[in-house]
Amino acid sequence: MTAPFLSLAQIRNRLALTARAILRAHRPNPDGRCPICRTPGCPLATTARNVLRAAEDVQRRNTATPPAPLDPDDPPQAG
């Protein structure tokens, strides 16, 4: 399928799958350096972690139950 026919959830899932694949490939060696980039702080791994974090935030916001609507007949709550 191409992008115009994918839902937002499917696009988010594909981004997460790609980010996980990048993290597997760019896992640091015991010396702390990325085996592909040969750098101690791999920018691709950092970006992949940020993408996963953003995808989880969007999913949490979408699945959270919305607040109950206010009933005009209920008295206001004292706080």
PDB file of N, CA and C in Angstrom:
ATOM      1  N   MET A   1       0.838  -1.194   0.000  1.00  0.00           N
ATOM      2  CA  MET A   1       0.000   0.000   0.000  1.00  0.00           C
ATOM      3  C   MET A   1       0.874   1.245   0.000  1.00  0.00           C
ATOM      4  N   THR A   2       0.361   2.263  -0.579  1.00  0.00           N
ATOM      5  CA  THR A   2       1.084   3.532  -0.589  1.00  0.00           C
ATOM      6  C   THR A   2       0.499   4.469   0.453  1.00  0.00           C
ATOM      7  N   ALA A   3       1.222   5.505   0.760  1.00  0.00           N
ATOM      8  CA  ALA A   3       0.868   6.405   1.854  1.00  0.00           C
ATOM      9  C   ALA A   3      -0.538   7.001   1.774  1.00  0.00           C
ATOM     10  N   PRO A   4      -1.056   7.395   0.612  1.00  0.00           N
ATOM     11  CA  PRO A   4      -2.389   8.007   0.634  1.00  0.00           C
ATOM     12  C   PRO A   4      -3.481   7.069   1.134  1.00  0.00           C
ATOM     13  N   PHE A   5      -3.223   5.771   1.130  1.00  0.00           N
ATOM     14  CA  PHE A   5      -4.257   4.819   1.529  1.00  0.00           C
ATOM     15  C   PHE A   5      -4.045   4.290   2.943  1.00  0.00           C
ATOM     16  N   LEU A   6      -3.046   4.784   3.657  1.00  0.00           N
ATOM     17  CA  LEU A   6      -2.776   4.327   5.014  1.00  0.00           C
ATOM     18  C   LEU A   6      -3.435   5.251   6.027  1.00  0.00           C
ATOM     19  N   SER A   7      -3.899   4.665   7.114  1.00  0.00           N
ATOM     20  CA  SER A   7      -4.442   5.480   8.197  1.00  0.00           C
ATOM     21  C   SER A   7      -3.274   6.066   8.995  1.00  0.00           C
ATOM     22  N   LEU A   8      -3.580   7.015   9.856  1.00  0.00           N
ATOM     23  CA  LEU A   8      -2.534   7.615  10.681  1.00  0.00           C
ATOM     24  C   LEU A   8      -1.924   6.580  11.624  1.00  0.00           C
ATOM     25  N   ALA A   9      -2.734   5.659  12.123  1.00  0.00           N
ATOM     26  CA  ALA A   9      -2.221   4.610  13.000  1.00  0.00           C
ATOM     27  C   ALA A   9      -1.239   3.708  12.247  1.00  0.00           C
ATOM     28  N   GLN A  10      -1.545   3.392  11.003  1.00  0.00           N
ATOM     29  CA  GLN A  10      -0.645   2.551  10.205  1.00  0.00           C
ATOM     30  C   GLN A  10       0.675   3.267   9.925  1.00  0.00           C
ATOM     31  N   ILE A  11       0.609   4.555   9.652  1.00  0.00           N
ATOM     32  CA  ILE A  11       1.828   5.334   9.422  1.00  0.00           C
ATOM     33  C   ILE A  11       2.665   5.377  10.694  1.00  0.00           C
ATOM     34  N   ARG A  12       2.012   5.608  11.852  1.00  0.00           N
ATOM     35  CA  ARG A  12       2.718   5.620  13.133  1.00  0.00           C
ATOM     36  C   ARG A  12       3.373   4.270  13.401  1.00  0.00           C
ATOM     37  N   ASN A  13       2.669   3.177  13.114  1.00  0.00           N
ATOM     38  CA  ASN A  13       3.231   1.841  13.330  1.00  0.00           C
ATOM     39  C   ASN A  13       4.428   1.588  12.430  1.00  0.00           C
ATOM     40  N   ARG A  14       4.364   2.032  11.182  1.00  0.00           N
ATOM     41  CA  ARG A  14       5.500   1.850  10.272  1.00  0.00           C
ATOM     42  C   ARG A  14       6.702   2.668  10.714  1.00  0.00           C
ATOM     43  N   LEU A  15       6.458   3.873  11.206  1.00  0.00           N
ATOM     44  CA  LEU A  15       7.555   4.681  11.738  1.00  0.00           C
ATOM     45  C   LEU A  15       8.197   3.988  12.938  1.00  0.00           C
ATOM     46  N   ALA A  16       7.375   3.410  13.810  1.00  0.00           N
ATOM     47  CA  ALA A  16       7.899   2.715  14.986  1.00  0.00           C
ATOM     48  C   ALA A  16       8.703   1.487  14.573  1.00  0.00           C
ATOM     49  N   LEU A  17       8.222   0.725  13.602  1.00  0.00           N
ATOM     50  CA  LEU A  17       8.959  -0.445  13.132  1.00  0.00           C
ATOM     51  C   LEU A  17      10.315  -0.050  12.542  1.00  0.00           C
ATOM     52  N   THR A  18      10.322   1.018  11.768  1.00  0.00           N
ATOM     53  CA  THR A  18      11.570   1.492  11.176  1.00  0.00           C
ATOM     54  C   THR A  18      12.537   1.971  12.258  1.00  0.00           C
ATOM     55  N   ALA A  19      12.023   2.688  13.243  1.00  0.00           N
ATOM     56  CA  ALA A  19      12.870   3.177  14.323  1.00  0.00           C
ATOM     57  C   ALA A  19      13.470   2.010  15.113  1.00  0.00           C
ATOM     58  N   ARG A  20      12.679   0.966  15.363  1.00  0.00           N
ATOM     59  CA  ARG A  20      13.199  -0.195  16.086  1.00  0.00           C
ATOM     60  C   ARG A  20      14.283  -0.906  15.277  1.00  0.00           C
ATOM     61  N   ALA A  21      14.085  -0.988  13.966  1.00  0.00           N
ATOM     62  CA  ALA A  21      15.104  -1.615  13.112  1.00  0.00           C
ATOM     63  C   ALA A  21      16.408  -0.814  13.143  1.00  0.00           C
ATOM     64  N   ILE A  22      16.301   0.499  13.143  1.00  0.00           N
ATOM     65  CA  ILE A  22      17.484   1.351  13.227  1.00  0.00           C
ATOM     66  C   ILE A  22      18.190   1.143  14.561  1.00  0.00           C
ATOM     67  N   LEU A  23      17.416   1.052  15.642  1.00  0.00           N
ATOM     68  CA  LEU A  23      18.027   0.850  16.955  1.00  0.00           C
ATOM     69  C   LEU A  23      18.736  -0.501  17.042  1.00  0.00           C
ATOM     70  N   ARG A  24      18.182  -1.530  16.402  1.00  0.00           N
ATOM     71  CA  ARG A  24      18.853  -2.839  16.393  1.00  0.00           C
ATOM     72  C   ARG A  24      20.173  -2.762  15.629  1.00  0.00           C
ATOM     73  N   ALA A  25      20.162  -2.089  14.497  1.00  0.00           N
ATOM     74  CA  ALA A  25      21.369  -2.009  13.673  1.00  0.00           C
ATOM     75  C   ALA A  25      22.432  -1.106  14.291  1.00  0.00           C
ATOM     76  N   HIS A  26      22.016  -0.090  15.015  1.00  0.00           N
ATOM     77  CA  HIS A  26      22.952   0.895  15.566  1.00  0.00           C
ATOM     78  C   HIS A  26      23.170   0.700  17.061  1.00  0.00           C
ATOM     79  N   ARG A  27      22.982  -0.533  17.550  1.00  0.00           N
ATOM     80  CA  ARG A  27      23.229  -0.831  18.964  1.00  0.00           C
ATOM     81  C   ARG A  27      24.725  -0.697  19.229  1.00  0.00           C
ATOM     82  N   PRO A  28      25.099   0.046  20.281  1.00  0.00           N
ATOM     83  CA  PRO A  28      26.533   0.276  20.518  1.00  0.00           C
ATOM     84  C   PRO A  28      27.275  -1.000  20.912  1.00  0.00           C
ATOM     85  N   ASN A  29      28.526  -1.063  20.508  1.00  0.00           N
ATOM     86  CA  ASN A  29      29.420  -2.156  20.884  1.00  0.00           C
ATOM     87  C   ASN A  29      29.808  -2.002  22.356  1.00  0.00           C
ATOM     88  N   PRO A  30      30.508  -2.980  22.923  1.00  0.00           N
ATOM     89  CA  PRO A  30      30.950  -2.848  24.321  1.00  0.00           C
ATOM     90  C   PRO A  30      31.807  -1.604  24.584  1.00  0.00           C
ATOM     91  N   ASP A  31      32.481  -1.099  23.560  1.00  0.00           N
ATOM     92  CA  ASP A  31      33.271   0.120  23.755  1.00  0.00           C
ATOM     93  C   ASP A  31      32.422   1.386  23.700  1.00  0.00           C
ATOM     94  N   GLY A  32      31.110   1.253  23.451  1.00  0.00           N
ATOM     95  CA  GLY A  32      30.200   2.397  23.449  1.00  0.00           C
ATOM     96  C   GLY A  32      30.046   3.078  22.109  1.00  0.00           C
ATOM     97  N   ARG A  33      30.699   2.553  21.071  1.00  0.00           N
ATOM     98  CA  ARG A  33      30.622   3.179  19.754  1.00  0.00           C
ATOM     99  C   ARG A  33      29.662   2.405  18.862  1.00  0.00           C
ATOM    100  N   CYS A  34      28.971   3.127  18.006  1.00  0.00           N
ATOM    101  CA  CYS A  34      28.053   2.520  17.041  1.00  0.00           C
ATOM    102  C   CYS A  34      28.858   1.731  16.003  1.00  0.00           C
ATOM    103  N   PRO A  35      28.462   0.482  15.692  1.00  0.00           N
ATOM    104  CA  PRO A  35      29.231  -0.302  14.728  1.00  0.00           C
ATOM    105  C   PRO A  35      29.127   0.230  13.294  1.00  0.00           C
ATOM    106  N   ILE A  36      28.107   0.999  12.995  1.00  0.00           N
ATOM    107  CA  ILE A  36      27.923   1.515  11.634  1.00  0.00           C
ATOM    108  C   ILE A  36      28.508   2.925  11.508  1.00  0.00           C
ATOM    109  N   CYS A  37      28.128   3.797  12.428  1.00  0.00           N
ATOM    110  CA  CYS A  37      28.580   5.196  12.368  1.00  0.00           C
ATOM    111  C   CYS A  37      29.969   5.390  12.957  1.00  0.00           C
ATOM    112  N   ARG A  38      30.398   4.488  13.801  1.00  0.00           N
ATOM    113  CA  ARG A  38      31.691   4.559  14.488  1.00  0.00           C
ATOM    114  C   ARG A  38      31.804   5.788  15.383  1.00  0.00           C
ATOM    115  N   THR A  39      30.688   6.229  15.936  1.00  0.00           N
ATOM    116  CA  THR A  39      30.694   7.378  16.839  1.00  0.00           C
ATOM    117  C   THR A  39      30.165   6.948  18.198  1.00  0.00           C
ATOM    118  N   PRO A  40      30.604   7.603  19.283  1.00  0.00           N
ATOM    119  CA  PRO A  40      30.113   7.228  20.605  1.00  0.00           C
ATOM    120  C   PRO A  40      28.639   7.566  20.818  1.00  0.00           C
ATOM    121  N   GLY A  41      28.177   8.671  20.328  1.00  0.00           N
ATOM    122  CA  GLY A  41      26.775   9.063  20.469  1.00  0.00           C
ATOM    123  C   GLY A  41      26.121   9.056  19.105  1.00  0.00           C
ATOM    124  N   CYS A  42      25.601   7.909  18.712  1.00  0.00           N
ATOM    125  CA  CYS A  42      25.063   7.760  17.352  1.00  0.00           C
ATOM    126  C   CYS A  42      23.842   8.664  17.150  1.00  0.00           C
ATOM    127  N   PRO A  43      23.905   9.610  16.200  1.00  0.00           N
ATOM    128  CA  PRO A  43      22.761  10.499  15.974  1.00  0.00           C
ATOM    129  C   PRO A  43      21.549   9.765  15.418  1.00  0.00           C
ATOM    130  N   LEU A  44      21.758   8.690  14.657  1.00  0.00           N
ATOM    131  CA  LEU A  44      20.617   7.946  14.127  1.00  0.00           C
ATOM    132  C   LEU A  44      19.869   7.222  15.239  1.00  0.00           C
ATOM    133  N   ALA A  45      20.594   6.651  16.175  1.00  0.00           N
ATOM    134  CA  ALA A  45      19.953   5.974  17.300  1.00  0.00           C
ATOM    135  C   ALA A  45      19.186   6.983  18.162  1.00  0.00           C
ATOM    136  N   THR A  46      19.761   8.152  18.356  1.00  0.00           N
ATOM    137  CA  THR A  46      19.075   9.198  19.123  1.00  0.00           C
ATOM    138  C   THR A  46      17.792   9.616  18.428  1.00  0.00           C
ATOM    139  N   THR A  47      17.836   9.791  17.124  1.00  0.00           N
ATOM    140  CA  THR A  47      16.651  10.165  16.363  1.00  0.00           C
ATOM    141  C   THR A  47      15.598   9.058  16.423  1.00  0.00           C
ATOM    142  N   ALA A  48      16.027   7.804  16.316  1.00  0.00           N
ATOM    143  CA  ALA A  48      15.089   6.685  16.388  1.00  0.00           C
ATOM    144  C   ALA A  48      14.404   6.641  17.754  1.00  0.00           C
ATOM    145  N   ARG A  49      15.166   6.885  18.828  1.00  0.00           N
ATOM    146  CA  ARG A  49      14.565   6.921  20.168  1.00  0.00           C
ATOM    147  C   ARG A  49      13.543   8.047  20.274  1.00  0.00           C
ATOM    148  N   ASN A  50      13.854   9.203  19.701  1.00  0.00           N
ATOM    149  CA  ASN A  50      12.914  10.331  19.727  1.00  0.00           C
ATOM    150  C   ASN A  50      11.640  10.011  18.951  1.00  0.00           C
ATOM    151  N   VAL A  51      11.773   9.324  17.817  1.00  0.00           N
ATOM    152  CA  VAL A  51      10.593   8.939  17.027  1.00  0.00           C
ATOM    153  C   VAL A  51       9.718   7.987  17.827  1.00  0.00           C
ATOM    154  N   LEU A  52      10.328   6.991  18.477  1.00  0.00           N
ATOM    155  CA  LEU A  52       9.554   6.047  19.293  1.00  0.00           C
ATOM    156  C   LEU A  52       8.861   6.761  20.444  1.00  0.00           C
ATOM    157  N   ARG A  53       9.561   7.674  21.087  1.00  0.00           N
ATOM    158  CA  ARG A  53       8.970   8.420  22.197  1.00  0.00           C
ATOM    159  C   ARG A  53       7.775   9.250  21.711  1.00  0.00           C
ATOM    160  N   ALA A  54       7.913   9.889  20.564  1.00  0.00           N
ATOM    161  CA  ALA A  54       6.815  10.700  20.018  1.00  0.00           C
ATOM    162  C   ALA A  54       5.634   9.824  19.621  1.00  0.00           C
ATOM    163  N   ALA A  55       5.903   8.665  19.031  1.00  0.00           N
ATOM    164  CA  ALA A  55       4.814   7.763  18.637  1.00  0.00           C
ATOM    165  C   ALA A  55       4.070   7.245  19.857  1.00  0.00           C
ATOM    166  N   GLU A  56       4.785   6.971  20.951  1.00  0.00           N
ATOM    167  CA  GLU A  56       4.132   6.515  22.173  1.00  0.00           C
ATOM    168  C   GLU A  56       3.290   7.622  22.783  1.00  0.00           C
ATOM    169  N   ASP A  57       3.779   8.868  22.740  1.00  0.00           N
ATOM    170  CA  ASP A  57       3.006   9.994  23.269  1.00  0.00           C
ATOM    171  C   ASP A  57       1.702  10.166  22.500  1.00  0.00           C
ATOM    172  N   VAL A  58       1.767  10.077  21.185  1.00  0.00           N
ATOM    173  CA  VAL A  58       0.556  10.229  20.365  1.00  0.00           C
ATOM    174  C   VAL A  58      -0.426   9.110  20.677  1.00  0.00           C
ATOM    175  N   GLN A  59       0.074   7.894  20.810  1.00  0.00           N
ATOM    176  CA  GLN A  59      -0.810   6.768  21.086  1.00  0.00           C
ATOM    177  C   GLN A  59      -1.442   6.912  22.470  1.00  0.00           C
ATOM    178  N   ARG A  60      -0.679   7.349  23.458  1.00  0.00           N
ATOM    179  CA  ARG A  60      -1.234   7.540  24.798  1.00  0.00           C
ATOM    180  C   ARG A  60      -2.318   8.609  24.797  1.00  0.00           C
ATOM    181  N   ARG A  61      -2.087   9.690  24.068  1.00  0.00           N
ATOM    182  CA  ARG A  61      -3.090  10.765  24.017  1.00  0.00           C
ATOM    183  C   ARG A  61      -4.352  10.312  23.311  1.00  0.00           C
ATOM    184  N   ASN A  62      -4.211   9.487  22.273  1.00  0.00           N
ATOM    185  CA  ASN A  62      -5.379   9.041  21.516  1.00  0.00           C
ATOM    186  C   ASN A  62      -6.189   7.998  22.263  1.00  0.00           C
ATOM    187  N   THR A  63      -5.564   7.198  23.125  1.00  0.00           N
ATOM    188  CA  THR A  63      -6.292   6.136  23.801  1.00  0.00           C
ATOM    189  C   THR A  63      -6.784   6.550  25.176  1.00  0.00           C
ATOM    190  N   ALA A  64      -6.416   7.714  25.644  1.00  0.00           N
ATOM    191  CA  ALA A  64      -6.875   8.177  26.948  1.00  0.00           C
ATOM    192  C   ALA A  64      -8.367   8.506  26.871  1.00  0.00           C
ATOM    193  N   THR A  65      -9.068   8.220  27.951  1.00  0.00           N
ATOM    194  CA  THR A  65     -10.499   8.523  27.958  1.00  0.00           C
ATOM    195  C   THR A  65     -10.686  10.023  28.137  1.00  0.00           C
ATOM    196  N   PRO A  66     -11.555  10.611  27.355  1.00  0.00           N
ATOM    197  CA  PRO A  66     -11.781  12.051  27.471  1.00  0.00           C
ATOM    198  C   PRO A  66     -12.531  12.362  28.772  1.00  0.00           C
ATOM    199  N   PRO A  67     -12.385  13.572  29.280  1.00  0.00           N
ATOM    200  CA  PRO A  67     -13.114  13.926  30.498  1.00  0.00           C
ATOM    201  C   PRO A  67     -14.614  13.930  30.244  1.00  0.00           C
ATOM    202  N   ALA A  68     -15.353  13.593  31.277  1.00  0.00           N
ATOM    203  CA  ALA A  68     -16.815  13.563  31.158  1.00  0.00           C
ATOM    204  C   ALA A  68     -17.328  14.983  30.942  1.00  0.00           C
ATOM    205  N   PRO A  69     -18.349  15.137  30.107  1.00  0.00           N
ATOM    206  CA  PRO A  69     -18.893  16.480  29.891  1.00  0.00           C
ATOM    207  C   PRO A  69     -19.541  17.008  31.168  1.00  0.00           C
ATOM    208  N   LEU A  70     -19.435  18.301  31.360  1.00  0.00           N
ATOM    209  CA  LEU A  70     -20.018  18.925  32.546  1.00  0.00           C
ATOM    210  C   LEU A  70     -21.525  18.995  32.406  1.00  0.00           C
ATOM    211  N   ASP A  71     -22.202  18.662  33.490  1.00  0.00           N
ATOM    212  CA  ASP A  71     -23.664  18.731  33.512  1.00  0.00           C
ATOM    213  C   ASP A  71     -24.047  20.076  34.116  1.00  0.00           C
ATOM    214  N   PRO A  72     -24.827  20.886  33.411  1.00  0.00           N
ATOM    215  CA  PRO A  72     -25.165  22.214  33.940  1.00  0.00           C
ATOM    216  C   PRO A  72     -25.997  22.134  35.221  1.00  0.00           C
ATOM    217  N   ASP A  73     -26.656  21.004  35.490  1.00  0.00           N
ATOM    218  CA  ASP A  73     -27.487  20.890  36.694  1.00  0.00           C
ATOM    219  C   ASP A  73     -26.666  20.526  37.934  1.00  0.00           C
ATOM    220  N   ASP A  74     -25.432  20.060  37.754  1.00  0.00           N
ATOM    221  CA  ASP A  74     -24.592  19.711  38.907  1.00  0.00           C
ATOM    222  C   ASP A  74     -24.051  20.976  39.560  1.00  0.00           C
ATOM    223  N   PRO A  75     -23.992  20.993  40.903  1.00  0.00           N
ATOM    224  CA  PRO A  75     -23.394  22.174  41.558  1.00  0.00           C
ATOM    225  C   PRO A  75     -21.886  22.163  41.352  1.00  0.00           C
ATOM    226  N   PRO A  76     -21.258  23.329  41.314  1.00  0.00           N
ATOM    227  CA  PRO A  76     -19.801  23.375  41.138  1.00  0.00           C
ATOM    228  C   PRO A  76     -19.097  22.738  42.325  1.00  0.00           C
ATOM    229  N   GLN A  77     -17.970  22.091  42.049  1.00  0.00           N
ATOM    230  CA  GLN A  77     -17.185  21.423  43.089  1.00  0.00           C
ATOM    231  C   GLN A  77     -16.287  22.450  43.782  1.00  0.00           C
ATOM    232  N   ALA A  78     -16.233  22.369  45.098  1.00  0.00           N
ATOM    233  CA  ALA A  78     -15.331  23.243  45.856  1.00  0.00           C
ATOM    234  C   ALA A  78     -13.959  22.602  45.865  1.00  0.00           C
ATOM    235  N   GLY A  79     -12.932  23.390  45.616  1.00  0.00           N
ATOM    236  CA  GLY A  79     -11.625  22.804  45.457  1.00  0.00           C
ATOM    237  C   GLY A  79     -10.715  23.080  46.539  1.00  0.00           C
TER     238      GLY A  79
END
